[in-house]
């Protein structure tokens, strides 16, 4: 009972901090022995519940921001079951698989995410976030022309949205279009993007990570935070 209470307190902390990745990354996660005894929590056992959807999203982002990639990818199988209701849950899991070198697993999740995003856009063509995320998937799955087209449409629809611009930078980064990636990243910073902890870990921005201008924008020296 005491361990389950500790688990509930931990979940409460990350749910309250879901809108601030910097806050989330400072939370002390349950140690390995605790996770083996008390994980997953009950709300993840009921994977179709709204609580499960929210927790997958928050946990995945929390683990990724804290560089706990192995913990993030453990969520992958259950995330595949709930992603139909929230495609955001897969993003940090895909990134974590890539940083661990598990490219086949990353591609499997990307293809599932791509299906969900395409369905979302058929139903809601004005969903800009779905469009920009689809662009990133297309870029990574070898469809560069379609990827760039979706980027241009999304940026035209939301030219000062920092998250749209950030994801545009990621798409161009995946396509090795460094100048375009840097332009979008500069614009996203100018528009208020401030999550440098995510940017310096993001494999889609690897092409920029050693660039002095990028390090200046995210406030790092010699590529370290």
C-alpha atoms as a PDB file:
ATOM      1  CA  UNK A   1       0.000   0.000   0.000  1.00  0.00           C
ATOM      2  CA  UNK A   2       2.825   2.388   0.887  1.00  0.00           C
ATOM      3  CA  UNK A   3       4.519   1.724  -2.476  1.00  0.00           C
ATOM      4  CA  UNK A   4       1.253   2.225  -4.389  1.00  0.00           C
ATOM      5  CA  UNK A   5       0.779   5.533  -2.560  1.00  0.00           C
ATOM      6  CA  UNK A   6       4.270   6.595  -3.619  1.00  0.00           C
ATOM      7  CA  UNK A   7       3.422   5.660  -7.197  1.00  0.00           C
ATOM      8  CA  UNK A   8       0.244   7.752  -7.081  1.00  0.00           C
ATOM      9  CA  UNK A   9       2.228  10.709  -5.709  1.00  0.00           C
ATOM     10  CA  UNK A  10       4.735  10.361  -8.547  1.00  0.00           C
ATOM     11  CA  UNK A  11       1.956  10.256 -11.151  1.00  0.00           C
ATOM     12  CA  UNK A  12       0.358  13.310  -9.569  1.00  0.00           C
ATOM     13  CA  UNK A  13       3.620  15.230  -9.846  1.00  0.00           C
ATOM     14  CA  UNK A  14       4.134  14.545 -13.527  1.00  0.00           C
ATOM     15  CA  UNK A  15       0.499  15.221 -14.409  1.00  0.00           C
ATOM     16  CA  UNK A  16       0.665  18.602 -12.661  1.00  0.00           C
ATOM     17  CA  UNK A  17       3.879  19.378 -14.527  1.00  0.00           C
ATOM     18  CA  UNK A  18       2.711  18.210 -17.977  1.00  0.00           C
ATOM     19  CA  UNK A  19       2.831  21.728 -19.440  1.00  0.00           C
ATOM     20  CA  UNK A  20       6.444  22.333 -18.361  1.00  0.00           C
ATOM     21  CA  UNK A  21       9.047  19.869 -19.570  1.00  0.00           C
ATOM     22  CA  UNK A  22      11.731  21.585 -17.534  1.00  0.00           C
ATOM     23  CA  UNK A  23       9.739  20.970 -14.358  1.00  0.00           C
ATOM     24  CA  UNK A  24       9.010  17.398 -15.369  1.00  0.00           C
ATOM     25  CA  UNK A  25      12.661  16.613 -16.033  1.00  0.00           C
ATOM     26  CA  UNK A  26      13.546  17.469 -12.425  1.00  0.00           C
ATOM     27  CA  UNK A  27      11.078  15.002 -10.932  1.00  0.00           C
ATOM     28  CA  UNK A  28      12.678  12.012  -9.214  1.00  0.00           C
ATOM     29  CA  UNK A  29      11.444   8.883 -10.967  1.00  0.00           C
ATOM     30  CA  UNK A  30      10.719   5.620  -9.129  1.00  0.00           C
ATOM     31  CA  UNK A  31      13.841   3.476  -8.850  1.00  0.00           C
ATOM     32  CA  UNK A  32      14.094   0.238 -10.783  1.00  0.00           C
ATOM     33  CA  UNK A  33      13.050  -2.053  -7.920  1.00  0.00           C
ATOM     34  CA  UNK A  34      10.002   0.118  -7.225  1.00  0.00           C
ATOM     35  CA  UNK A  35       8.977   0.115 -10.883  1.00  0.00           C
ATOM     36  CA  UNK A  36       9.251  -3.671 -11.045  1.00  0.00           C
ATOM     37  CA  UNK A  37       6.915  -4.052  -8.046  1.00  0.00           C
ATOM     38  CA  UNK A  38       4.395  -1.291  -8.709  1.00  0.00           C
ATOM     39  CA  UNK A  39       4.513  -0.535 -12.443  1.00  0.00           C
ATOM     40  CA  UNK A  40       2.477  -0.026 -14.501  1.00  0.00           C
ATOM     41  CA  UNK A  41       0.023   1.899 -12.344  1.00  0.00           C
ATOM     42  CA  UNK A  42      -3.678   0.893 -12.494  1.00  0.00           C
ATOM     43  CA  UNK A  43      -4.631   3.673 -14.936  1.00  0.00           C
ATOM     44  CA  UNK A  44      -2.256   2.209 -17.524  1.00  0.00           C
ATOM     45  CA  UNK A  45      -3.833  -1.204 -17.130  1.00  0.00           C
ATOM     46  CA  UNK A  46      -7.049   0.290 -18.506  1.00  0.00           C
ATOM     47  CA  UNK A  47      -5.408   1.488 -21.674  1.00  0.00           C
ATOM     48  CA  UNK A  48      -8.456   2.968 -23.326  1.00  0.00           C
ATOM     49  CA  UNK A  49      -9.129   5.381 -20.468  1.00  0.00           C
ATOM     50  CA  UNK A  50      -8.424   9.134 -20.816  1.00  0.00           C
ATOM     51  CA  UNK A  51      -6.051   8.836 -17.863  1.00  0.00           C
ATOM     52  CA  UNK A  52      -3.979   6.249 -19.730  1.00  0.00           C
ATOM     53  CA  UNK A  53      -3.764   8.489 -22.791  1.00  0.00           C
ATOM     54  CA  UNK A  54      -2.634  11.489 -20.758  1.00  0.00           C
ATOM     55  CA  UNK A  55      -0.168   9.476 -18.726  1.00  0.00           C
ATOM     56  CA  UNK A  56       1.449   7.925 -21.804  1.00  0.00           C
ATOM     57  CA  UNK A  57       1.941  11.394 -23.260  1.00  0.00           C
ATOM     58  CA  UNK A  58       3.361  12.897 -20.070  1.00  0.00           C
ATOM     59  CA  UNK A  59       5.528   9.906 -19.143  1.00  0.00           C
ATOM     60  CA  UNK A  60       7.000   9.605 -22.617  1.00  0.00           C
ATOM     61  CA  UNK A  61       7.916  13.286 -22.726  1.00  0.00           C
ATOM     62  CA  UNK A  62       9.201  13.198 -19.154  1.00  0.00           C
ATOM     63  CA  UNK A  63      11.460  10.218 -19.778  1.00  0.00           C
ATOM     64  CA  UNK A  64      12.741  11.699 -23.036  1.00  0.00           C
ATOM     65  CA  UNK A  65      13.517  15.104 -21.489  1.00  0.00           C
ATOM     66  CA  UNK A  66      15.324  13.303 -18.656  1.00  0.00           C
ATOM     67  CA  UNK A  67      17.287  11.141 -21.153  1.00  0.00           C
ATOM     68  CA  UNK A  68      15.695   7.989 -19.748  1.00  0.00           C
ATOM     69  CA  UNK A  69      15.207   6.469 -23.182  1.00  0.00           C
ATOM     70  CA  UNK A  70      14.945   2.844 -22.049  1.00  0.00           C
ATOM     71  CA  UNK A  71      12.072   3.760 -19.747  1.00  0.00           C
ATOM     72  CA  UNK A  72      10.392   5.669 -22.572  1.00  0.00           C
ATOM     73  CA  UNK A  73      10.457   2.802 -25.039  1.00  0.00           C
ATOM     74  CA  UNK A  74       8.904   0.435 -22.490  1.00  0.00           C
ATOM     75  CA  UNK A  75       5.713   2.414 -23.069  1.00  0.00           C
ATOM     76  CA  UNK A  76       5.715   1.679 -26.777  1.00  0.00           C
ATOM     77  CA  UNK A  77       3.533  -1.427 -26.908  1.00  0.00           C
ATOM     78  CA  UNK A  78       0.709  -0.002 -24.816  1.00  0.00           C
ATOM     79  CA  UNK A  79       1.036   3.340 -26.615  1.00  0.00           C
ATOM     80  CA  UNK A  80       0.322   1.590 -29.909  1.00  0.00           C
ATOM     81  CA  UNK A  81      -3.018   0.509 -28.484  1.00  0.00           C
ATOM     82  CA  UNK A  82      -4.103   3.996 -27.398  1.00  0.00           C
ATOM     83  CA  UNK A  83      -2.576   6.133 -30.145  1.00  0.00           C
ATOM     84  CA  UNK A  84      -5.804   6.177 -32.117  1.00  0.00           C
ATOM     85  CA  UNK A  85      -7.098   8.696 -29.591  1.00  0.00           C
ATOM     86  CA  UNK A  86      -3.879  10.689 -29.107  1.00  0.00           C
ATOM     87  CA  UNK A  87      -1.099  10.654 -31.680  1.00  0.00           C
ATOM     88  CA  UNK A  88       1.055  12.908 -29.469  1.00  0.00           C
ATOM     89  CA  UNK A  89       1.893   9.969 -27.214  1.00  0.00           C
ATOM     90  CA  UNK A  90       4.185   8.363 -29.820  1.00  0.00           C
ATOM     91  CA  UNK A  91       6.525  11.303 -30.459  1.00  0.00           C
ATOM     92  CA  UNK A  92       8.961  10.895 -27.525  1.00  0.00           C
ATOM     93  CA  UNK A  93       8.862   7.119 -27.903  1.00  0.00           C
ATOM     94  CA  UNK A  94       9.926   7.308 -31.548  1.00  0.00           C
ATOM     95  CA  UNK A  95      12.729   9.729 -30.629  1.00  0.00           C
ATOM     96  CA  UNK A  96      13.882   7.450 -27.809  1.00  0.00           C
ATOM     97  CA  UNK A  97      14.023   4.398 -30.078  1.00  0.00           C
ATOM     98  CA  UNK A  98      16.131   6.398 -32.555  1.00  0.00           C
ATOM     99  CA  UNK A  99      18.569   7.580 -29.881  1.00  0.00           C
ATOM    100  CA  UNK A 100      18.952   3.976 -28.706  1.00  0.00           C
ATOM    101  CA  UNK A 101      19.718   2.901 -32.270  1.00  0.00           C
ATOM    102  CA  UNK A 102      16.548   0.784 -32.506  1.00  0.00           C
ATOM    103  CA  UNK A 103      15.620   2.090 -35.933  1.00  0.00           C
ATOM    104  CA  UNK A 104      13.284  -0.761 -36.918  1.00  0.00           C
ATOM    105  CA  UNK A 105      11.180  -0.134 -33.812  1.00  0.00           C
ATOM    106  CA  UNK A 106      11.181   3.603 -34.483  1.00  0.00           C
ATOM    107  CA  UNK A 107       9.994   3.016 -38.043  1.00  0.00           C
ATOM    108  CA  UNK A 108       7.224   0.694 -36.837  1.00  0.00           C
ATOM    109  CA  UNK A 109       5.881   3.444 -34.574  1.00  0.00           C
ATOM    110  CA  UNK A 110       6.283   6.089 -37.265  1.00  0.00           C
ATOM    111  CA  UNK A 111       4.242   4.081 -39.731  1.00  0.00           C
ATOM    112  CA  UNK A 112       1.477   3.673 -37.160  1.00  0.00           C
ATOM    113  CA  UNK A 113       1.603   7.383 -36.338  1.00  0.00           C
ATOM    114  CA  UNK A 114       1.496   8.240 -40.054  1.00  0.00           C
ATOM    115  CA  UNK A 115      -1.718   6.211 -40.486  1.00  0.00           C
ATOM    116  CA  UNK A 116      -3.348   7.989 -37.568  1.00  0.00           C
ATOM    117  CA  UNK A 117      -2.275  11.439 -38.780  1.00  0.00           C
ATOM    118  CA  UNK A 118      -3.543  10.800 -42.314  1.00  0.00           C
ATOM    119  CA  UNK A 119      -6.898   9.749 -40.898  1.00  0.00           C
ATOM    120  CA  UNK A 120      -6.967  12.840 -38.699  1.00  0.00           C
ATOM    121  CA  UNK A 121      -6.329  15.132 -41.671  1.00  0.00           C
ATOM    122  CA  UNK A 122      -9.014  13.470 -43.772  1.00  0.00           C
ATOM    123  CA  UNK A 123     -11.468  14.257 -41.000  1.00  0.00           C
ATOM    124  CA  UNK A 124     -10.000  17.623 -39.940  1.00  0.00           C
ATOM    125  CA  UNK A 125      -7.905  19.169 -42.757  1.00  0.00           C
ATOM    126  CA  UNK A 126      -7.301  22.341 -40.710  1.00  0.00           C
ATOM    127  CA  UNK A 127      -5.468  20.435 -37.960  1.00  0.00           C
ATOM    128  CA  UNK A 128      -2.097  22.143 -38.362  1.00  0.00           C
ATOM    129  CA  UNK A 129      -0.332  20.106 -35.705  1.00  0.00           C
ATOM    130  CA  UNK A 130      -1.350  16.848 -37.346  1.00  0.00           C
ATOM    131  CA  UNK A 131      -0.133  18.199 -40.695  1.00  0.00           C
ATOM    132  CA  UNK A 132       3.301  19.247 -39.423  1.00  0.00           C
ATOM    133  CA  UNK A 133       3.765  15.950 -37.580  1.00  0.00           C
ATOM    134  CA  UNK A 134       2.780  14.053 -40.716  1.00  0.00           C
ATOM    135  CA  UNK A 135       5.449  16.015 -42.589  1.00  0.00           C
ATOM    136  CA  UNK A 136       8.082  14.753 -40.160  1.00  0.00           C
ATOM    137  CA  UNK A 137       6.927  11.153 -40.587  1.00  0.00           C
ATOM    138  CA  UNK A 138       6.946  11.452 -44.376  1.00  0.00           C
ATOM    139  CA  UNK A 139      10.476  12.861 -44.254  1.00  0.00           C
ATOM    140  CA  UNK A 140      11.698   9.936 -42.187  1.00  0.00           C
ATOM    141  CA  UNK A 141       9.864   7.379 -44.297  1.00  0.00           C
ATOM    142  CA  UNK A 142      11.412   8.458 -47.608  1.00  0.00           C
ATOM    143  CA  UNK A 143       8.753  10.765 -49.043  1.00  0.00           C
ATOM    144  CA  UNK A 144      10.597  14.110 -49.142  1.00  0.00           C
ATOM    145  CA  UNK A 145       8.440  15.945 -51.677  1.00  0.00           C
ATOM    146  CA  UNK A 146       5.225  15.268 -49.790  1.00  0.00           C
ATOM    147  CA  UNK A 147       6.971  16.172 -46.528  1.00  0.00           C
ATOM    148  CA  UNK A 148       8.079  19.583 -47.800  1.00  0.00           C
ATOM    149  CA  UNK A 149       4.625  20.273 -49.220  1.00  0.00           C
ATOM    150  CA  UNK A 150       2.989  19.654 -45.824  1.00  0.00           C
ATOM    151  CA  UNK A 151       5.608  21.799 -44.089  1.00  0.00           C
ATOM    152  CA  UNK A 152       4.932  24.730 -46.391  1.00  0.00           C
ATOM    153  CA  UNK A 153       1.178  24.452 -45.908  1.00  0.00           C
ATOM    154  CA  UNK A 154       1.482  24.215 -42.119  1.00  0.00           C
ATOM    155  CA  UNK A 155       3.888  27.149 -41.845  1.00  0.00           C
ATOM    156  CA  UNK A 156       1.659  29.247 -44.129  1.00  0.00           C
ATOM    157  CA  UNK A 157      -1.300  28.482 -41.867  1.00  0.00           C
ATOM    158  CA  UNK A 158       0.576  29.252 -38.635  1.00  0.00           C
ATOM    159  CA  UNK A 159       3.608  31.423 -39.501  1.00  0.00           C
ATOM    160  CA  UNK A 160       4.337  32.488 -35.906  1.00  0.00           C
ATOM    161  CA  UNK A 161       3.399  29.308 -34.036  1.00  0.00           C
ATOM    162  CA  UNK A 162       6.593  28.243 -32.257  1.00  0.00           C
ATOM    163  CA  UNK A 163       5.662  24.539 -32.145  1.00  0.00           C
ATOM    164  CA  UNK A 164       4.797  24.431 -35.843  1.00  0.00           C
ATOM    165  CA  UNK A 165       8.080  26.163 -36.682  1.00  0.00           C
ATOM    166  CA  UNK A 166      10.003  23.790 -34.417  1.00  0.00           C
ATOM    167  CA  UNK A 167       8.522  20.756 -36.133  1.00  0.00           C
ATOM    168  CA  UNK A 168       9.232  22.341 -39.517  1.00  0.00           C
ATOM    169  CA  UNK A 169      12.887  22.587 -38.449  1.00  0.00           C
ATOM    170  CA  UNK A 170      12.786  18.913 -37.483  1.00  0.00           C
ATOM    171  CA  UNK A 171      11.376  17.898 -40.844  1.00  0.00           C
ATOM    172  CA  UNK A 172      14.021  19.836 -42.748  1.00  0.00           C
ATOM    173  CA  UNK A 173      16.650  18.388 -40.420  1.00  0.00           C
ATOM    174  CA  UNK A 174      15.511  14.859 -41.236  1.00  0.00           C
ATOM    175  CA  UNK A 175      15.806  15.723 -44.932  1.00  0.00           C
ATOM    176  CA  UNK A 176      19.365  17.064 -44.429  1.00  0.00           C
ATOM    177  CA  UNK A 177      18.198  20.517 -45.537  1.00  0.00           C
ATOM    178  CA  UNK A 178      20.371  22.316 -43.016  1.00  0.00           C
ATOM    179  CA  UNK A 179      19.825  25.917 -44.114  1.00  0.00           C
ATOM    180  CA  UNK A 180      16.049  25.483 -44.056  1.00  0.00           C
ATOM    181  CA  UNK A 181      16.214  23.682 -40.712  1.00  0.00           C
ATOM    182  CA  UNK A 182      18.252  26.512 -39.210  1.00  0.00           C
ATOM    183  CA  UNK A 183      15.891  29.166 -40.589  1.00  0.00           C
ATOM    184  CA  UNK A 184      12.863  27.423 -39.070  1.00  0.00           C
ATOM    185  CA  UNK A 185      14.660  26.895 -35.761  1.00  0.00           C
ATOM    186  CA  UNK A 186      15.641  30.561 -35.568  1.00  0.00           C
ATOM    187  CA  UNK A 187      12.044  31.518 -36.293  1.00  0.00           C
ATOM    188  CA  UNK A 188      10.692  29.169 -33.633  1.00  0.00           C
ATOM    189  CA  UNK A 189      13.018  30.672 -31.014  1.00  0.00           C
ATOM    190  CA  UNK A 190      11.989  34.172 -32.078  1.00  0.00           C
ATOM    191  CA  UNK A 191       8.349  33.095 -31.723  1.00  0.00           C
ATOM    192  CA  UNK A 192       8.886  31.994 -28.137  1.00  0.00           C
ATOM    193  CA  UNK A 193      10.055  28.383 -28.205  1.00  0.00           C
ATOM    194  CA  UNK A 194      12.147  27.789 -25.084  1.00  0.00           C
ATOM    195  CA  UNK A 195      12.454  24.028 -24.522  1.00  0.00           C
ATOM    196  CA  UNK A 196      16.175  23.727 -25.167  1.00  0.00           C
ATOM    197  CA  UNK A 197      16.340  20.442 -23.188  1.00  0.00           C
ATOM    198  CA  UNK A 198      14.164  18.827 -25.848  1.00  0.00           C
ATOM    199  CA  UNK A 199      15.939  20.443 -28.814  1.00  0.00           C
ATOM    200  CA  UNK A 200      19.448  19.367 -27.839  1.00  0.00           C
ATOM    201  CA  UNK A 201      18.273  15.737 -27.530  1.00  0.00           C
ATOM    202  CA  UNK A 202      16.048  15.668 -30.608  1.00  0.00           C
ATOM    203  CA  UNK A 203      17.508  13.279 -33.228  1.00  0.00           C
ATOM    204  CA  UNK A 204      15.629  15.119 -35.979  1.00  0.00           C
ATOM    205  CA  UNK A 205      17.797  18.175 -35.280  1.00  0.00           C
ATOM    206  CA  UNK A 206      21.074  16.263 -35.245  1.00  0.00           C
ATOM    207  CA  UNK A 207      22.213  18.152 -38.330  1.00  0.00           C
ATOM    208  CA  UNK A 208      22.193  21.360 -36.242  1.00  0.00           C
ATOM    209  CA  UNK A 209      23.588  20.101 -32.952  1.00  0.00           C
ATOM    210  CA  UNK A 210      27.217  20.990 -33.694  1.00  0.00           C
ATOM    211  CA  UNK A 211      26.418  24.315 -35.315  1.00  0.00           C
ATOM    212  CA  UNK A 212      27.616  27.326 -33.268  1.00  0.00           C
ATOM    213  CA  UNK A 213      24.440  29.257 -34.084  1.00  0.00           C
ATOM    214  CA  UNK A 214      22.290  26.413 -32.786  1.00  0.00           C
ATOM    215  CA  UNK A 215      24.344  26.164 -29.581  1.00  0.00           C
ATOM    216  CA  UNK A 216      23.967  29.901 -29.108  1.00  0.00           C
ATOM    217  CA  UNK A 217      20.199  29.721 -29.594  1.00  0.00           C
ATOM    218  CA  UNK A 218      19.744  26.935 -27.043  1.00  0.00           C
ATOM    219  CA  UNK A 219      22.264  28.400 -24.605  1.00  0.00           C
ATOM    220  CA  UNK A 220      24.901  25.660 -24.641  1.00  0.00           C
ATOM    221  CA  UNK A 221      28.667  25.600 -24.885  1.00  0.00           C
ATOM    222  CA  UNK A 222      30.579  23.030 -26.893  1.00  0.00           C
ATOM    223  CA  UNK A 223      27.368  21.118 -27.469  1.00  0.00           C
ATOM    224  CA  UNK A 224      26.672  20.402 -23.781  1.00  0.00           C
ATOM    225  CA  UNK A 225      23.872  21.763 -21.690  1.00  0.00           C
END
